Amino acid sequence: RILAQNKIETAIHEDLLKLYSPQENSQIGNPVKITGEARGPMYFEAIFRIAVQDANHKELGFGVATATSEWTTSNFVPFSAKIKYQTPSTKTGYLVFEKENPSGLPENVLNISIPISFGK
């Protein structure tokens, strides 16, 4: 699966997604537990996709973030996810948060990439 690599400016990222764990540029373990908050429009049916990628944007694994409270709002909604991923060939990589796009239209694609490093 090839993901569109949209560059998201920090202001937009902070307006749509608040990541609590892991922090940006921190080392992750396998599996990685992810918690944070995302605005309601990131979700569809209370979920959105998160991928683990290496530094070359090769997808190593993916999972879904699940809303832990009412998601049909424009407010921030807490989420959690746990993702197991393949052994990376690079020391760094990305968590890629994908806004759900039930329409399938390219203009509605929105991915937020957060840099991370891989643990030993």
C-alpha atoms as a PDB file:
ATOM      1  CA  ARG A   1       0.000   0.000   0.000  1.00  0.00           C
ATOM      2  CA  ILE A   2       1.436   3.363  -1.010  1.00  0.00           C
ATOM      3  CA  LEU A   3       0.366   6.332   1.075  1.00  0.00           C
ATOM      4  CA  ALA A   4       0.181   9.877  -0.195  1.00  0.00           C
ATOM      5  CA  GLN A   5       2.925  11.815   1.546  1.00  0.00           C
ATOM      6  CA  ASN A   6       1.168  15.093   2.240  1.00  0.00           C
ATOM      7  CA  LYS A   7       3.303  17.583   4.119  1.00  0.00           C
ATOM      8  CA  ILE A   8       1.280  18.833   7.047  1.00  0.00           C
ATOM      9  CA  GLU A   9       2.272  22.093   8.647  1.00  0.00           C
ATOM     10  CA  THR A  10       2.592  22.033  12.417  1.00  0.00           C
ATOM     11  CA  ALA A  11      -0.362  24.381  12.951  1.00  0.00           C
ATOM     12  CA  ILE A  12      -2.660  22.057  10.975  1.00  0.00           C
ATOM     13  CA  HIS A  13      -1.268  18.983  12.719  1.00  0.00           C
ATOM     14  CA  GLU A  14      -1.846  20.508  16.154  1.00  0.00           C
ATOM     15  CA  ASP A  15      -5.368  21.535  15.148  1.00  0.00           C
ATOM     16  CA  LEU A  16      -6.289  17.961  14.141  1.00  0.00           C
ATOM     17  CA  LEU A  17      -4.150  15.690  16.301  1.00  0.00           C
ATOM     18  CA  LYS A  18      -2.647  15.755  19.793  1.00  0.00           C
ATOM     19  CA  LEU A  19      -0.250  12.875  20.355  1.00  0.00           C
ATOM     20  CA  TYR A  20       0.366  11.906  24.000  1.00  0.00           C
ATOM     21  CA  SER A  21       2.352   8.715  23.535  1.00  0.00           C
ATOM     22  CA  PRO A  22       4.757   8.187  21.931  1.00  0.00           C
ATOM     23  CA  GLN A  23       6.088  11.726  21.658  1.00  0.00           C
ATOM     24  CA  GLU A  24       7.450  13.046  18.366  1.00  0.00           C
ATOM     25  CA  ASN A  25      11.043  11.839  17.724  1.00  0.00           C
ATOM     26  CA  SER A  26      10.901   9.361  20.621  1.00  0.00           C
ATOM     27  CA  GLN A  27      11.925   5.701  20.521  1.00  0.00           C
ATOM     28  CA  ILE A  28       9.118   3.168  20.142  1.00  0.00           C
ATOM     29  CA  GLY A  29       8.930  -0.492  21.069  1.00  0.00           C
ATOM     30  CA  ASN A  30       7.182  -3.348  19.290  1.00  0.00           C
ATOM     31  CA  PRO A  31       4.235  -3.357  19.572  1.00  0.00           C
ATOM     32  CA  VAL A  32       3.785   0.389  19.889  1.00  0.00           C
ATOM     33  CA  LYS A  33       0.943   1.702  22.043  1.00  0.00           C
ATOM     34  CA  ILE A  34      -0.380   5.031  20.768  1.00  0.00           C
ATOM     35  CA  THR A  35      -2.618   7.421  22.674  1.00  0.00           C
ATOM     36  CA  GLY A  36      -3.819  10.908  21.956  1.00  0.00           C
ATOM     37  CA  GLU A  37      -6.755  12.965  20.788  1.00  0.00           C
ATOM     38  CA  ALA A  38      -7.978  13.734  17.283  1.00  0.00           C
ATOM     39  CA  ARG A  39     -10.760  15.975  16.085  1.00  0.00           C
ATOM     40  CA  GLY A  40     -13.985  14.201  15.167  1.00  0.00           C
ATOM     41  CA  PRO A  41     -13.522  14.688  11.387  1.00  0.00           C
ATOM     42  CA  MET A  42     -10.396  12.433  11.488  1.00  0.00           C
ATOM     43  CA  TYR A  43     -12.703   9.488  12.331  1.00  0.00           C
ATOM     44  CA  PHE A  44     -15.232   7.485  10.365  1.00  0.00           C
ATOM     45  CA  GLU A  45     -17.353   5.074  12.400  1.00  0.00           C
ATOM     46  CA  ALA A  46     -15.134   5.880  15.420  1.00  0.00           C
ATOM     47  CA  ILE A  47     -11.838   4.747  13.841  1.00  0.00           C
ATOM     48  CA  PHE A  48      -8.966   5.940  11.679  1.00  0.00           C
ATOM     49  CA  ARG A  49      -5.872   4.171  10.357  1.00  0.00           C
ATOM     50  CA  ILE A  50      -2.322   4.511  11.717  1.00  0.00           C
ATOM     51  CA  ALA A  51       0.683   3.043   9.874  1.00  0.00           C
ATOM     52  CA  VAL A  52       4.241   2.433  11.057  1.00  0.00           C
ATOM     53  CA  GLN A  53       6.740   3.231   8.288  1.00  0.00           C
ATOM     54  CA  ASP A  54      10.505   3.083   8.048  1.00  0.00           C
ATOM     55  CA  ALA A  55      12.596   6.076   6.943  1.00  0.00           C
ATOM     56  CA  ASN A  56      11.978   5.097   3.282  1.00  0.00           C
ATOM     57  CA  HIS A  57       8.185   5.201   3.838  1.00  0.00           C
ATOM     58  CA  LYS A  58       7.885   1.411   3.568  1.00  0.00           C
ATOM     59  CA  GLU A  59       4.897   0.311   5.620  1.00  0.00           C
ATOM     60  CA  LEU A  60       5.943  -2.097   8.382  1.00  0.00           C
ATOM     61  CA  GLY A  61       2.553  -2.505  10.036  1.00  0.00           C
ATOM     62  CA  PHE A  62      -0.740  -0.775  10.653  1.00  0.00           C
ATOM     63  CA  GLY A  63      -3.660  -0.651  13.002  1.00  0.00           C
ATOM     64  CA  VAL A  64      -6.677   1.435  13.807  1.00  0.00           C
ATOM     65  CA  ALA A  65      -7.105   4.178  16.330  1.00  0.00           C
ATOM     66  CA  THR A  66     -10.357   3.699  18.169  1.00  0.00           C
ATOM     67  CA  ALA A  67     -12.269   6.608  19.693  1.00  0.00           C
ATOM     68  CA  THR A  68     -12.761   6.125  23.418  1.00  0.00           C
ATOM     69  CA  SER A  69     -15.701   8.550  23.597  1.00  0.00           C
ATOM     70  CA  GLU A  70     -18.309  10.118  21.292  1.00  0.00           C
ATOM     71  CA  TRP A  71     -16.623  10.832  17.927  1.00  0.00           C
ATOM     72  CA  THR A  72     -19.403  12.654  16.033  1.00  0.00           C
ATOM     73  CA  THR A  73     -18.156  16.086  17.024  1.00  0.00           C
ATOM     74  CA  SER A  74     -15.707  18.687  15.791  1.00  0.00           C
ATOM     75  CA  ASN A  75     -14.009  18.624  19.209  1.00  0.00           C
ATOM     76  CA  PHE A  76     -10.977  16.551  20.190  1.00  0.00           C
ATOM     77  CA  VAL A  77     -11.824  12.914  20.920  1.00  0.00           C
ATOM     78  CA  PRO A  78      -9.441  10.578  22.814  1.00  0.00           C
ATOM     79  CA  PHE A  79      -8.128   7.505  20.976  1.00  0.00           C
ATOM     80  CA  SER A  80      -5.866   4.538  21.549  1.00  0.00           C
ATOM     81  CA  ALA A  81      -4.179   1.978  19.308  1.00  0.00           C
ATOM     82  CA  LYS A  82      -1.673  -0.842  19.588  1.00  0.00           C
ATOM     83  CA  ILE A  83       0.335  -1.765  16.494  1.00  0.00           C
ATOM     84  CA  LYS A  84       2.730  -4.661  15.929  1.00  0.00           C
ATOM     85  CA  TYR A  85       5.161  -4.075  13.074  1.00  0.00           C
ATOM     86  CA  GLN A  86       7.876  -5.841  11.048  1.00  0.00           C
ATOM     87  CA  THR A  87      11.535  -5.377  11.951  1.00  0.00           C
ATOM     88  CA  PRO A  88      12.660  -2.110  10.330  1.00  0.00           C
ATOM     89  CA  SER A  89      15.789  -1.810   8.176  1.00  0.00           C
ATOM     90  CA  THR A  90      16.249   1.821   9.246  1.00  0.00           C
ATOM     91  CA  LYS A  91      16.811   3.354  12.687  1.00  0.00           C
ATOM     92  CA  THR A  92      14.137   5.998  12.211  1.00  0.00           C
ATOM     93  CA  GLY A  93      10.686   6.101  10.708  1.00  0.00           C
ATOM     94  CA  TYR A  94       7.221   7.556  10.980  1.00  0.00           C
ATOM     95  CA  LEU A  95       3.829   7.055  12.515  1.00  0.00           C
ATOM     96  CA  VAL A  96       1.361   8.049   9.803  1.00  0.00           C
ATOM     97  CA  PHE A  97      -2.111   9.070  10.938  1.00  0.00           C
ATOM     98  CA  GLU A  98      -4.619   8.820   8.086  1.00  0.00           C
ATOM     99  CA  LYS A  99      -7.824  10.848   8.143  1.00  0.00           C
ATOM    100  CA  GLU A 100     -10.622   8.488   7.192  1.00  0.00           C
ATOM    101  CA  ASN A 101     -11.754   9.076   3.614  1.00  0.00           C
ATOM    102  CA  PRO A 102     -14.934   7.084   2.929  1.00  0.00           C
ATOM    103  CA  SER A 103     -15.488   9.041  -0.310  1.00  0.00           C
ATOM    104  CA  GLY A 104     -12.206   7.754  -1.778  1.00  0.00           C
ATOM    105  CA  LEU A 105     -11.674  11.163  -3.391  1.00  0.00           C
ATOM    106  CA  PRO A 106      -7.993  12.197  -3.664  1.00  0.00           C
ATOM    107  CA  GLU A 107      -8.763  15.750  -2.518  1.00  0.00           C
ATOM    108  CA  ASN A 108      -9.965  14.327   0.822  1.00  0.00           C
ATOM    109  CA  VAL A 109      -6.694  12.463   1.544  1.00  0.00           C
ATOM    110  CA  LEU A 110      -4.942  13.787   4.634  1.00  0.00           C
ATOM    111  CA  ASN A 111      -2.004  12.050   6.308  1.00  0.00           C
ATOM    112  CA  ILE A 112      -0.070  13.362   9.295  1.00  0.00           C
ATOM    113  CA  SER A 113       3.465  11.937   9.627  1.00  0.00           C
ATOM    114  CA  ILE A 114       5.181  11.989  13.026  1.00  0.00           C
ATOM    115  CA  PRO A 115       8.907  11.101  13.107  1.00  0.00           C
ATOM    116  CA  ILE A 116       9.974   8.329  15.509  1.00  0.00           C
ATOM    117  CA  SER A 117      12.964   6.068  16.094  1.00  0.00           C
ATOM    118  CA  PHE A 118      12.936   2.309  16.595  1.00  0.00           C
ATOM    119  CA  GLY A 119      14.027   0.591  19.806  1.00  0.00           C
ATOM    120  CA  LYS A 120      16.392  -2.364  19.931  1.00  0.00           C
END
